[in-house]
Amino acid sequence: MRIVCIGQAAFGEKVLQRLTESGEEVVAVCTRQDVVGKRNPLKELAVRLGIPLFQPGSMRVPEICDEYKRLKPDLNVMAYVTSILPDSILNCPRVGTIQYHPSLLPKHRGGSAINWAIIKGETRTGVTIFWPDKGVDTGSILLQREVDISPDDTVGSLYFEKLFPLGVEALVEAIGLIEKGIAPRIPQDESLATYEGLCTERDALIDWSAPVDVVYNLIRGTNPQPGAITYFQGKVLKVFDVEPVHDVVGGPPGEILECSADGFTVSLKRGAILVRKVQMDKSANIGAAEFAGQVGLRTGDRLG
């Protein structure tokens, strides 16, 4: 099949690599425009392989659509795409378009599916390869694969160690089903659908009066982006690597119970959190113990 690979970042690069290694005919790669100081691994690989490259500011420009149609593609493969394609591109290929999404659709539609699954304390998620339509993650399902969310998973570990490699293989498997003419189109059950907006700093504010599991899930569900937020001495303090402490009876929520070589322990309404890594006012991430030493953090101080 004549495939157009649409995507970006390391995930798009790995998908393109697997497609070419498996002998698929990739007739073009479409990726974002260049950003000063930021690599685009998908673009770099396409250039090395000599594959025609598109970097439009918008896929809705008529000239882009005309040039795209001249490729006579059989299939679009969307590998890490954060925008909705126009119908002229989406429906142009002979077979259609398939897309990767890091959740078990119809659950967690939207651009922060991994964040919300962890924040909500879920223990199971997965990847979906689906046939996109005009909606946001609403198209028919081609295939799904599940994974466990470990108690200590963060957004980073869940994506890079599980959903990233699983997604690459799922896309390759889906293309194989399409080539055999046996790829299903299973309508999503709208009664089970959930949608969450992008997880932003506004969603990441720590409530130290919440139960330990709620705070723990919020912090790991925003690690590394956007980072869980609290305040110290009037400045934004982002909290990253943490460990729940259940068997502690502490003081008021947000109070520092202990500073040690491992970090500092923060009191919650029930239990506590050992903080191991933080970031103050957009500086580099550092160990919590080092931070405590730099700012003079001590037992009895308050966060929030």
C-alpha atoms as a PDB file:
ATOM      1  CA  MET A   1       0.000   0.000   0.000  1.00  0.00           C
ATOM      2  CA  ARG A   2       1.007   3.595  -0.605  1.00  0.00           C
ATOM      3  CA  ILE A   3       1.190   5.056   2.920  1.00  0.00           C
ATOM      4  CA  VAL A   4       1.469   8.659   4.121  1.00  0.00           C
ATOM      5  CA  CYS A   5       2.897   8.843   7.658  1.00  0.00           C
ATOM      6  CA  ILE A   6       1.570  11.873   9.560  1.00  0.00           C
ATOM      7  CA  GLY A   7       3.077  12.643  12.970  1.00  0.00           C
ATOM      8  CA  GLN A   8       5.911  14.075  14.995  1.00  0.00           C
ATOM      9  CA  ALA A   9       8.420  13.444  17.782  1.00  0.00           C
ATOM     10  CA  ALA A  10      10.048  10.148  18.718  1.00  0.00           C
ATOM     11  CA  PHE A  11       6.812   8.194  18.335  1.00  0.00           C
ATOM     12  CA  GLY A  12       6.376   9.293  14.725  1.00  0.00           C
ATOM     13  CA  GLU A  13      10.027   8.462  14.049  1.00  0.00           C
ATOM     14  CA  LYS A  14       9.689   4.951  15.469  1.00  0.00           C
ATOM     15  CA  VAL A  15       6.499   4.275  13.497  1.00  0.00           C
ATOM     16  CA  LEU A  16       8.196   5.376  10.262  1.00  0.00           C
ATOM     17  CA  GLN A  17      11.201   3.204  11.071  1.00  0.00           C
ATOM     18  CA  ARG A  18       9.025   0.125  11.660  1.00  0.00           C
ATOM     19  CA  LEU A  19       7.007   0.748   8.477  1.00  0.00           C
ATOM     20  CA  THR A  20      10.088   0.993   6.295  1.00  0.00           C
ATOM     21  CA  GLU A  21      11.764  -1.963   7.995  1.00  0.00           C
ATOM     22  CA  SER A  22       8.696  -4.102   7.281  1.00  0.00           C
ATOM     23  CA  GLY A  23       8.775  -3.190   3.607  1.00  0.00           C
ATOM     24  CA  GLU A  24       5.811  -0.810   3.494  1.00  0.00           C
ATOM     25  CA  GLU A  25       5.799   1.814   0.734  1.00  0.00           C
ATOM     26  CA  VAL A  26       5.824   5.166   2.524  1.00  0.00           C
ATOM     27  CA  VAL A  27       5.277   7.736  -0.214  1.00  0.00           C
ATOM     28  CA  ALA A  28       5.431  10.825   2.020  1.00  0.00           C
ATOM     29  CA  VAL A  29       5.851  12.066   5.568  1.00  0.00           C
ATOM     30  CA  CYS A  30       3.855  14.980   6.957  1.00  0.00           C
ATOM     31  CA  THR A  31       5.044  16.655  10.159  1.00  0.00           C
ATOM     32  CA  ARG A  32       4.953  19.982  11.985  1.00  0.00           C
ATOM     33  CA  GLN A  33       6.887  23.041  10.924  1.00  0.00           C
ATOM     34  CA  ASP A  34      10.374  23.525  12.329  1.00  0.00           C
ATOM     35  CA  VAL A  35      10.683  25.077  15.785  1.00  0.00           C
ATOM     36  CA  VAL A  36      13.942  26.890  16.551  1.00  0.00           C
ATOM     37  CA  GLY A  37      16.066  24.856  18.944  1.00  0.00           C
ATOM     38  CA  LYS A  38      13.778  21.814  18.868  1.00  0.00           C
ATOM     39  CA  ARG A  39      14.528  18.566  17.032  1.00  0.00           C
ATOM     40  CA  ASN A  40      11.970  16.712  14.951  1.00  0.00           C
ATOM     41  CA  PRO A  41      13.186  13.082  14.820  1.00  0.00           C
ATOM     42  CA  LEU A  42      10.476  12.106  12.326  1.00  0.00           C
ATOM     43  CA  LYS A  43      11.643  14.755   9.866  1.00  0.00           C
ATOM     44  CA  GLU A  44      15.280  13.753  10.338  1.00  0.00           C
ATOM     45  CA  LEU A  45      14.545  10.103   9.562  1.00  0.00           C
ATOM     46  CA  ALA A  46      12.429  10.984   6.516  1.00  0.00           C
ATOM     47  CA  VAL A  47      15.291  13.103   5.142  1.00  0.00           C
ATOM     48  CA  ARG A  48      17.802  10.278   5.723  1.00  0.00           C
ATOM     49  CA  LEU A  49      15.512   7.822   3.944  1.00  0.00           C
ATOM     50  CA  GLY A  50      14.852  10.195   1.060  1.00  0.00           C
ATOM     51  CA  ILE A  51      11.079  10.202   1.620  1.00  0.00           C
ATOM     52  CA  PRO A  52       9.174  13.283   0.342  1.00  0.00           C
ATOM     53  CA  LEU A  53       8.424  15.626   3.252  1.00  0.00           C
ATOM     54  CA  PHE A  54       5.477  17.943   3.962  1.00  0.00           C
ATOM     55  CA  GLN A  55       5.696  20.595   6.686  1.00  0.00           C
ATOM     56  CA  PRO A  56       2.617  22.754   6.129  1.00  0.00           C
ATOM     57  CA  GLY A  57       1.525  25.477   8.488  1.00  0.00           C
ATOM     58  CA  SER A  58      -1.987  24.150   7.920  1.00  0.00           C
ATOM     59  CA  MET A  59      -3.289  21.021   6.224  1.00  0.00           C
ATOM     60  CA  ARG A  60      -6.305  23.062   5.105  1.00  0.00           C
ATOM     61  CA  VAL A  61      -4.391  25.125   2.526  1.00  0.00           C
ATOM     62  CA  PRO A  62      -5.774  24.189  -0.932  1.00  0.00           C
ATOM     63  CA  GLU A  63      -2.298  23.907  -2.456  1.00  0.00           C
ATOM     64  CA  ILE A  64      -1.327  21.344   0.186  1.00  0.00           C
ATOM     65  CA  CYS A  65      -4.461  19.305  -0.484  1.00  0.00           C
ATOM     66  CA  ASP A  66      -3.784  19.313  -4.220  1.00  0.00           C
ATOM     67  CA  GLU A  67      -0.173  18.247  -3.763  1.00  0.00           C
ATOM     68  CA  TYR A  68      -1.234  15.571  -1.294  1.00  0.00           C
ATOM     69  CA  LYS A  69      -3.838  14.104  -3.671  1.00  0.00           C
ATOM     70  CA  ARG A  70      -1.193  13.734  -6.382  1.00  0.00           C
ATOM     71  CA  LEU A  71       0.477  11.134  -4.124  1.00  0.00           C
ATOM     72  CA  LYS A  72      -2.534   8.820  -4.674  1.00  0.00           C
ATOM     73  CA  PRO A  73      -2.229   7.344  -1.160  1.00  0.00           C
ATOM     74  CA  ASP A  74      -3.937   4.145  -0.058  1.00  0.00           C
ATOM     75  CA  LEU A  75      -3.699   4.869   3.675  1.00  0.00           C
ATOM     76  CA  ASN A  76      -2.891   7.673   6.129  1.00  0.00           C
ATOM     77  CA  VAL A  77      -1.153   6.548   9.317  1.00  0.00           C
ATOM     78  CA  MET A  78      -1.503   9.163  12.067  1.00  0.00           C
ATOM     79  CA  ALA A  79       1.312   8.685  14.578  1.00  0.00           C
ATOM     80  CA  TYR A  80       1.120  11.318  17.327  1.00  0.00           C
ATOM     81  CA  VAL A  81      -1.171  13.915  15.741  1.00  0.00           C
ATOM     82  CA  THR A  82      -2.710  16.641  17.897  1.00  0.00           C
ATOM     83  CA  SER A  83      -4.974  18.309  15.328  1.00  0.00           C
ATOM     84  CA  ILE A  84      -8.010  17.227  13.320  1.00  0.00           C
ATOM     85  CA  LEU A  85      -7.339  16.691   9.622  1.00  0.00           C
ATOM     86  CA  PRO A  86      -9.653  18.265   7.040  1.00  0.00           C
ATOM     87  CA  ASP A  87     -11.999  15.851   5.270  1.00  0.00           C
ATOM     88  CA  SER A  88     -10.090  16.409   2.036  1.00  0.00           C
ATOM     89  CA  ILE A  89      -7.033  14.728   3.599  1.00  0.00           C
ATOM     90  CA  LEU A  90      -8.784  12.368   6.017  1.00  0.00           C
ATOM     91  CA  ASN A  91     -10.931  10.716   3.370  1.00  0.00           C
ATOM     92  CA  CYS A  92      -8.581  10.971   0.410  1.00  0.00           C
ATOM     93  CA  PRO A  93      -6.755   7.608   0.696  1.00  0.00           C
ATOM     94  CA  ARG A  94      -8.314   4.584  -0.987  1.00  0.00           C
ATOM     95  CA  VAL A  95      -8.617   2.699   2.331  1.00  0.00           C
ATOM     96  CA  GLY A  96      -8.882   5.648   4.717  1.00  0.00           C
ATOM     97  CA  THR A  97      -6.975   6.896   7.754  1.00  0.00           C
ATOM     98  CA  ILE A  98      -5.967   5.192  10.988  1.00  0.00           C
ATOM     99  CA  GLN A  99      -4.823   6.874  14.198  1.00  0.00           C
ATOM    100  CA  TYR A 100      -3.133   5.968  17.492  1.00  0.00           C
ATOM    101  CA  HIS A 101      -4.654   7.039  20.810  1.00  0.00           C
ATOM    102  CA  PRO A 102      -3.162   6.254  24.270  1.00  0.00           C
ATOM    103  CA  SER A 103      -6.327   5.074  26.021  1.00  0.00           C
ATOM    104  CA  LEU A 104      -9.005   2.411  25.693  1.00  0.00           C
ATOM    105  CA  LEU A 105     -11.537   4.426  23.733  1.00  0.00           C
ATOM    106  CA  PRO A 106     -14.211   5.593  24.218  1.00  0.00           C
ATOM    107  CA  LYS A 107     -12.697   6.296  27.652  1.00  0.00           C
ATOM    108  CA  HIS A 108     -10.436   9.333  28.006  1.00  0.00           C
ATOM    109  CA  ARG A 109     -10.971  11.044  24.691  1.00  0.00           C
ATOM    110  CA  GLY A 110      -8.843  14.170  24.422  1.00  0.00           C
ATOM    111  CA  GLY A 111      -5.230  15.226  24.391  1.00  0.00           C
ATOM    112  CA  SER A 112      -4.250  14.297  27.973  1.00  0.00           C
ATOM    113  CA  ALA A 113      -5.565  10.740  28.201  1.00  0.00           C
ATOM    114  CA  ILE A 114      -2.491   9.410  30.016  1.00  0.00           C
ATOM    115  CA  ASN A 115      -2.558  12.168  32.632  1.00  0.00           C
ATOM    116  CA  TRP A 116      -6.209  11.691  33.496  1.00  0.00           C
ATOM    117  CA  ALA A 117      -6.061   7.910  33.742  1.00  0.00           C
ATOM    118  CA  ILE A 118      -3.375   8.205  36.439  1.00  0.00           C
ATOM    119  CA  ILE A 119      -4.941  11.202  38.203  1.00  0.00           C
ATOM    120  CA  LYS A 120      -8.199   9.271  38.508  1.00  0.00           C
ATOM    121  CA  GLY A 121      -6.358   6.363  40.129  1.00  0.00           C
ATOM    122  CA  GLU A 122      -7.058   3.819  37.389  1.00  0.00           C
ATOM    123  CA  THR A 123      -5.074   0.583  37.279  1.00  0.00           C
ATOM    124  CA  ARG A 124      -5.671  -0.364  33.646  1.00  0.00           C
ATOM    125  CA  THR A 125      -5.333   1.468  30.334  1.00  0.00           C
ATOM    126  CA  GLY A 126      -4.072   0.728  26.843  1.00  0.00           C
ATOM    127  CA  VAL A 127      -3.888   1.895  23.248  1.00  0.00           C
ATOM    128  CA  THR A 128      -6.527   2.160  20.561  1.00  0.00           C
ATOM    129  CA  ILE A 129      -6.001   2.194  16.807  1.00  0.00           C
ATOM    130  CA  PHE A 130      -9.105   3.728  15.270  1.00  0.00           C
ATOM    131  CA  TRP A 131     -10.531   5.185  12.075  1.00  0.00           C
ATOM    132  CA  PRO A 132     -10.772   8.945  12.860  1.00  0.00           C
ATOM    133  CA  ASP A 133     -13.754  11.036  11.780  1.00  0.00           C
ATOM    134  CA  LYS A 134     -14.810  14.657  12.317  1.00  0.00           C
ATOM    135  CA  GLY A 135     -15.067  14.250  16.094  1.00  0.00           C
ATOM    136  CA  VAL A 136     -12.386  14.177  18.768  1.00  0.00           C
ATOM    137  CA  ASP A 137     -11.316  10.518  19.089  1.00  0.00           C
ATOM    138  CA  THR A 138     -14.802   9.349  18.102  1.00  0.00           C
ATOM    139  CA  GLY A 139     -14.143   7.107  15.086  1.00  0.00           C
ATOM    140  CA  SER A 140     -14.687   3.361  14.815  1.00  0.00           C
ATOM    141  CA  ILE A 141     -12.183   1.093  16.591  1.00  0.00           C
ATOM    142  CA  LEU A 142      -9.828  -1.131  14.606  1.00  0.00           C
ATOM    143  CA  LEU A 143      -7.970  -2.761  17.506  1.00  0.00           C
ATOM    144  CA  GLN A 144      -7.073  -2.256  21.175  1.00  0.00           C
ATOM    145  CA  ARG A 145      -4.326  -3.552  23.460  1.00  0.00           C
ATOM    146  CA  GLU A 146      -4.308  -3.245  27.282  1.00  0.00           C
ATOM    147  CA  VAL A 147      -1.601  -2.614  29.892  1.00  0.00           C
ATOM    148  CA  ASP A 148      -1.485  -2.273  33.670  1.00  0.00           C
ATOM    149  CA  ILE A 149      -0.898   1.071  35.335  1.00  0.00           C
ATOM    150  CA  SER A 150       1.565   0.262  38.111  1.00  0.00           C
ATOM    151  CA  PRO A 151       1.143   1.968  41.517  1.00  0.00           C
ATOM    152  CA  ASP A 152       4.342   3.941  40.935  1.00  0.00           C
ATOM    153  CA  ASP A 153       3.826   4.779  37.243  1.00  0.00           C
ATOM    154  CA  THR A 154       4.084   8.414  36.191  1.00  0.00           C
ATOM    155  CA  VAL A 155       2.947   9.885  32.891  1.00  0.00           C
ATOM    156  CA  GLY A 156       6.534   9.526  31.706  1.00  0.00           C
ATOM    157  CA  SER A 157       6.995   5.878  32.650  1.00  0.00           C
ATOM    158  CA  LEU A 158       3.537   4.811  31.476  1.00  0.00           C
ATOM    159  CA  TYR A 159       4.031   6.418  28.076  1.00  0.00           C
ATOM    160  CA  PHE A 160       7.661   5.680  27.274  1.00  0.00           C
ATOM    161  CA  GLU A 161       7.881   2.211  28.825  1.00  0.00           C
ATOM    162  CA  LYS A 162       4.423   0.886  27.912  1.00  0.00           C
ATOM    163  CA  LEU A 163       2.097   2.902  25.665  1.00  0.00           C
ATOM    164  CA  PHE A 164       4.812   4.101  23.260  1.00  0.00           C
ATOM    165  CA  PRO A 165       6.201   0.677  22.267  1.00  0.00           C
ATOM    166  CA  LEU A 166       2.765  -0.946  22.428  1.00  0.00           C
ATOM    167  CA  GLY A 167       1.351   1.763  20.170  1.00  0.00           C
ATOM    168  CA  VAL A 168       4.048   1.311  17.537  1.00  0.00           C
ATOM    169  CA  GLU A 169       3.429  -2.430  17.358  1.00  0.00           C
ATOM    170  CA  ALA A 170      -0.344  -1.937  17.351  1.00  0.00           C
ATOM    171  CA  LEU A 171      -0.133   0.377  14.328  1.00  0.00           C
ATOM    172  CA  VAL A 172       2.004  -2.151  12.467  1.00  0.00           C
ATOM    173  CA  GLU A 173      -0.450  -4.910  13.376  1.00  0.00           C
ATOM    174  CA  ALA A 174      -3.387  -2.767  12.240  1.00  0.00           C
ATOM    175  CA  ILE A 175      -1.781  -2.149   8.843  1.00  0.00           C
ATOM    176  CA  GLY A 176      -1.327  -5.898   8.461  1.00  0.00           C
ATOM    177  CA  LEU A 177      -5.041  -6.441   9.090  1.00  0.00           C
ATOM    178  CA  ILE A 178      -5.904  -3.761   6.542  1.00  0.00           C
ATOM    179  CA  GLU A 179      -3.669  -5.354   3.923  1.00  0.00           C
ATOM    180  CA  LYS A 180      -5.391  -8.705   4.514  1.00  0.00           C
ATOM    181  CA  GLY A 181      -8.799  -7.070   4.155  1.00  0.00           C
ATOM    182  CA  ILE A 182      -9.914  -8.091   7.654  1.00  0.00           C
ATOM    183  CA  ALA A 183      -9.570  -4.822   9.611  1.00  0.00           C
ATOM    184  CA  PRO A 184     -12.765  -4.235  11.630  1.00  0.00           C
ATOM    185  CA  ARG A 185     -14.642  -0.973  12.138  1.00  0.00           C
ATOM    186  CA  ILE A 186     -16.263  -1.304  15.554  1.00  0.00           C
ATOM    187  CA  PRO A 187     -18.454   1.676  16.569  1.00  0.00           C
ATOM    188  CA  GLN A 188     -17.572   3.206  19.924  1.00  0.00           C
ATOM    189  CA  ASP A 189     -20.129   2.781  22.692  1.00  0.00           C
ATOM    190  CA  GLU A 190     -21.162   6.370  23.399  1.00  0.00           C
ATOM    191  CA  SER A 191     -22.710   5.351  26.736  1.00  0.00           C
ATOM    192  CA  LEU A 192     -19.170   4.611  27.999  1.00  0.00           C
ATOM    193  CA  ALA A 193     -17.521   7.703  26.541  1.00  0.00           C
ATOM    194  CA  THR A 194     -15.576  10.200  28.625  1.00  0.00           C
ATOM    195  CA  TYR A 195     -13.785  13.333  27.511  1.00  0.00           C
ATOM    196  CA  GLU A 196     -11.312  15.477  29.437  1.00  0.00           C
ATOM    197  CA  GLY A 197      -9.641  18.655  28.265  1.00  0.00           C
ATOM    198  CA  LEU A 198      -5.903  19.160  28.229  1.00  0.00           C
ATOM    199  CA  CYS A 199      -4.307  18.737  31.661  1.00  0.00           C
ATOM    200  CA  THR A 200      -2.876  22.173  32.453  1.00  0.00           C
ATOM    201  CA  GLU A 201      -1.251  23.835  35.447  1.00  0.00           C
ATOM    202  CA  ARG A 202      -4.725  24.897  36.577  1.00  0.00           C
ATOM    203  CA  ASP A 203      -5.610  21.205  36.983  1.00  0.00           C
ATOM    204  CA  ALA A 204      -2.324  20.412  38.730  1.00  0.00           C
ATOM    205  CA  LEU A 205      -2.675  22.479  41.924  1.00  0.00           C
ATOM    206  CA  ILE A 206      -2.052  20.301  44.976  1.00  0.00           C
ATOM    207  CA  ASP A 207      -4.657  20.314  47.738  1.00  0.00           C
ATOM    208  CA  TRP A 208      -2.667  19.200  50.778  1.00  0.00           C
ATOM    209  CA  SER A 209      -5.908  18.597  52.698  1.00  0.00           C
ATOM    210  CA  ALA A 210      -6.887  15.781  50.312  1.00  0.00           C
ATOM    211  CA  PRO A 211      -6.295  12.077  51.124  1.00  0.00           C
ATOM    212  CA  VAL A 212      -2.809  10.752  50.473  1.00  0.00           C
ATOM    213  CA  ASP A 213      -3.848   8.612  47.489  1.00  0.00           C
ATOM    214  CA  VAL A 214      -5.538  11.572  45.776  1.00  0.00           C
ATOM    215  CA  VAL A 215      -2.452  13.758  46.178  1.00  0.00           C
ATOM    216  CA  TYR A 216      -0.124  10.945  45.123  1.00  0.00           C
ATOM    217  CA  ASN A 217      -2.140  10.236  41.962  1.00  0.00           C
ATOM    218  CA  LEU A 218      -2.265  13.931  41.053  1.00  0.00           C
ATOM    219  CA  ILE A 219       1.499  14.320  41.372  1.00  0.00           C
ATOM    220  CA  ARG A 220       2.404  11.241  39.335  1.00  0.00           C
ATOM    221  CA  GLY A 221      -0.377  12.044  36.844  1.00  0.00           C
ATOM    222  CA  THR A 222       1.283  15.399  36.098  1.00  0.00           C
ATOM    223  CA  ASN A 223       4.883  14.134  36.054  1.00  0.00           C
ATOM    224  CA  PRO A 224       6.684  15.320  33.950  1.00  0.00           C
ATOM    225  CA  GLN A 225       4.048  17.625  32.402  1.00  0.00           C
ATOM    226  CA  PRO A 226       2.612  19.987  33.471  1.00  0.00           C
ATOM    227  CA  GLY A 227       4.093  19.301  36.940  1.00  0.00           C
ATOM    228  CA  ALA A 228       2.077  19.377  40.181  1.00  0.00           C
ATOM    229  CA  ILE A 229       1.988  22.870  41.681  1.00  0.00           C
ATOM    230  CA  THR A 230       2.232  24.200  45.207  1.00  0.00           C
ATOM    231  CA  TYR A 231       3.768  27.355  46.680  1.00  0.00           C
ATOM    232  CA  PHE A 232       6.620  28.140  49.047  1.00  0.00           C
ATOM    233  CA  GLN A 233       7.428  31.662  50.194  1.00  0.00           C
ATOM    234  CA  GLY A 234       5.084  33.024  47.526  1.00  0.00           C
ATOM    235  CA  LYS A 235       6.865  31.254  44.668  1.00  0.00           C
ATOM    236  CA  VAL A 236       5.645  28.417  42.464  1.00  0.00           C
ATOM    237  CA  LEU A 237       7.113  25.081  43.485  1.00  0.00           C
ATOM    238  CA  LYS A 238       6.528  22.122  41.173  1.00  0.00           C
ATOM    239  CA  VAL A 239       6.598  18.679  42.749  1.00  0.00           C
ATOM    240  CA  PHE A 240       7.637  15.598  40.771  1.00  0.00           C
ATOM    241  CA  ASP A 241       8.989  12.347  42.229  1.00  0.00           C
ATOM    242  CA  VAL A 242       7.164  11.441  45.442  1.00  0.00           C
ATOM    243  CA  GLU A 243       6.355   8.486  47.670  1.00  0.00           C
ATOM    244  CA  PRO A 244       3.168   8.044  49.735  1.00  0.00           C
ATOM    245  CA  VAL A 245       3.481   7.626  53.505  1.00  0.00           C
ATOM    246  CA  HIS A 246       0.310   6.137  55.000  1.00  0.00           C
ATOM    247  CA  ASP A 247       1.274   5.431  58.611  1.00  0.00           C
ATOM    248  CA  VAL A 248       2.026   8.993  59.711  1.00  0.00           C
ATOM    249  CA  VAL A 249      -0.047  11.249  61.927  1.00  0.00           C
ATOM    250  CA  GLY A 250       1.154  14.736  61.182  1.00  0.00           C
ATOM    251  CA  GLY A 251       0.280  18.352  61.670  1.00  0.00           C
ATOM    252  CA  PRO A 252      -1.808  20.704  59.517  1.00  0.00           C
ATOM    253  CA  PRO A 253      -2.029  19.916  55.772  1.00  0.00           C
ATOM    254  CA  GLY A 254       1.009  21.188  53.892  1.00  0.00           C
ATOM    255  CA  GLU A 255       3.278  21.305  56.948  1.00  0.00           C
ATOM    256  CA  ILE A 256       6.828  20.000  56.622  1.00  0.00           C
ATOM    257  CA  LEU A 257       7.174  17.057  59.007  1.00  0.00           C
ATOM    258  CA  GLU A 258      10.768  16.112  58.318  1.00  0.00           C
ATOM    259  CA  CYS A 259      13.758  16.996  56.149  1.00  0.00           C
ATOM    260  CA  SER A 260      16.229  14.219  55.381  1.00  0.00           C
ATOM    261  CA  ALA A 261      18.762  13.052  52.814  1.00  0.00           C
ATOM    262  CA  ASP A 262      15.844  11.506  50.861  1.00  0.00           C
ATOM    263  CA  GLY A 263      13.885  14.762  50.604  1.00  0.00           C
ATOM    264  CA  PHE A 264      11.192  16.293  52.770  1.00  0.00           C
ATOM    265  CA  THR A 265       7.911  14.907  54.105  1.00  0.00           C
ATOM    266  CA  VAL A 266       4.695  16.928  53.788  1.00  0.00           C
ATOM    267  CA  SER A 267       1.698  16.398  56.058  1.00  0.00           C
ATOM    268  CA  LEU A 268      -1.716  15.628  54.570  1.00  0.00           C
ATOM    269  CA  LYS A 269      -5.141  15.355  56.129  1.00  0.00           C
ATOM    270  CA  ARG A 270      -4.521  11.613  56.494  1.00  0.00           C
ATOM    271  CA  GLY A 271      -0.959  10.422  55.907  1.00  0.00           C
ATOM    272  CA  ALA A 272       1.921  12.232  54.257  1.00  0.00           C
ATOM    273  CA  ILE A 273       3.984  12.474  51.062  1.00  0.00           C
ATOM    274  CA  LEU A 274       7.769  12.140  50.844  1.00  0.00           C
ATOM    275  CA  VAL A 275       8.920  14.583  48.145  1.00  0.00           C
ATOM    276  CA  ARG A 276      12.097  13.576  46.300  1.00  0.00           C
ATOM    277  CA  LYS A 277      12.329  15.990  43.336  1.00  0.00           C
ATOM    278  CA  VAL A 278      11.099  19.562  42.794  1.00  0.00           C
ATOM    279  CA  GLN A 279      11.437  22.613  40.565  1.00  0.00           C
ATOM    280  CA  MET A 280      11.335  26.202  41.807  1.00  0.00           C
ATOM    281  CA  ASP A 281      10.223  29.020  39.498  1.00  0.00           C
ATOM    282  CA  LYS A 282      11.103  27.252  36.211  1.00  0.00           C
ATOM    283  CA  SER A 283      14.681  26.480  37.230  1.00  0.00           C
ATOM    284  CA  ALA A 284      16.087  22.992  36.646  1.00  0.00           C
ATOM    285  CA  ASN A 285      14.601  20.020  38.507  1.00  0.00           C
ATOM    286  CA  ILE A 286      16.661  19.182  41.585  1.00  0.00           C
ATOM    287  CA  GLY A 287      16.563  16.744  44.456  1.00  0.00           C
ATOM    288  CA  ALA A 288      14.200  17.797  47.224  1.00  0.00           C
ATOM    289  CA  ALA A 289      16.952  17.511  49.839  1.00  0.00           C
ATOM    290  CA  GLU A 290      19.164  19.871  47.832  1.00  0.00           C
ATOM    291  CA  PHE A 291      16.272  22.285  47.442  1.00  0.00           C
ATOM    292  CA  ALA A 292      15.582  22.221  51.191  1.00  0.00           C
ATOM    293  CA  GLY A 293      19.197  23.102  51.850  1.00  0.00           C
ATOM    294  CA  GLN A 294      19.200  25.942  49.328  1.00  0.00           C
ATOM    295  CA  VAL A 295      16.084  27.694  50.671  1.00  0.00           C
ATOM    296  CA  GLY A 296      16.460  26.781  54.329  1.00  0.00           C
ATOM    297  CA  LEU A 297      13.336  24.615  54.411  1.00  0.00           C
ATOM    298  CA  ARG A 298      12.808  23.128  57.848  1.00  0.00           C
ATOM    299  CA  THR A 299      10.303  21.232  59.970  1.00  0.00           C
ATOM    300  CA  GLY A 300       7.185  23.311  60.656  1.00  0.00           C
ATOM    301  CA  ASP A 301       7.305  25.304  57.383  1.00  0.00           C
ATOM    302  CA  ARG A 302       4.160  25.233  55.260  1.00  0.00           C
ATOM    303  CA  LEU A 303       3.543  24.655  51.557  1.00  0.00           C
ATOM    304  CA  GLY A 304       0.545  25.915  49.617  1.00  0.00           C
END
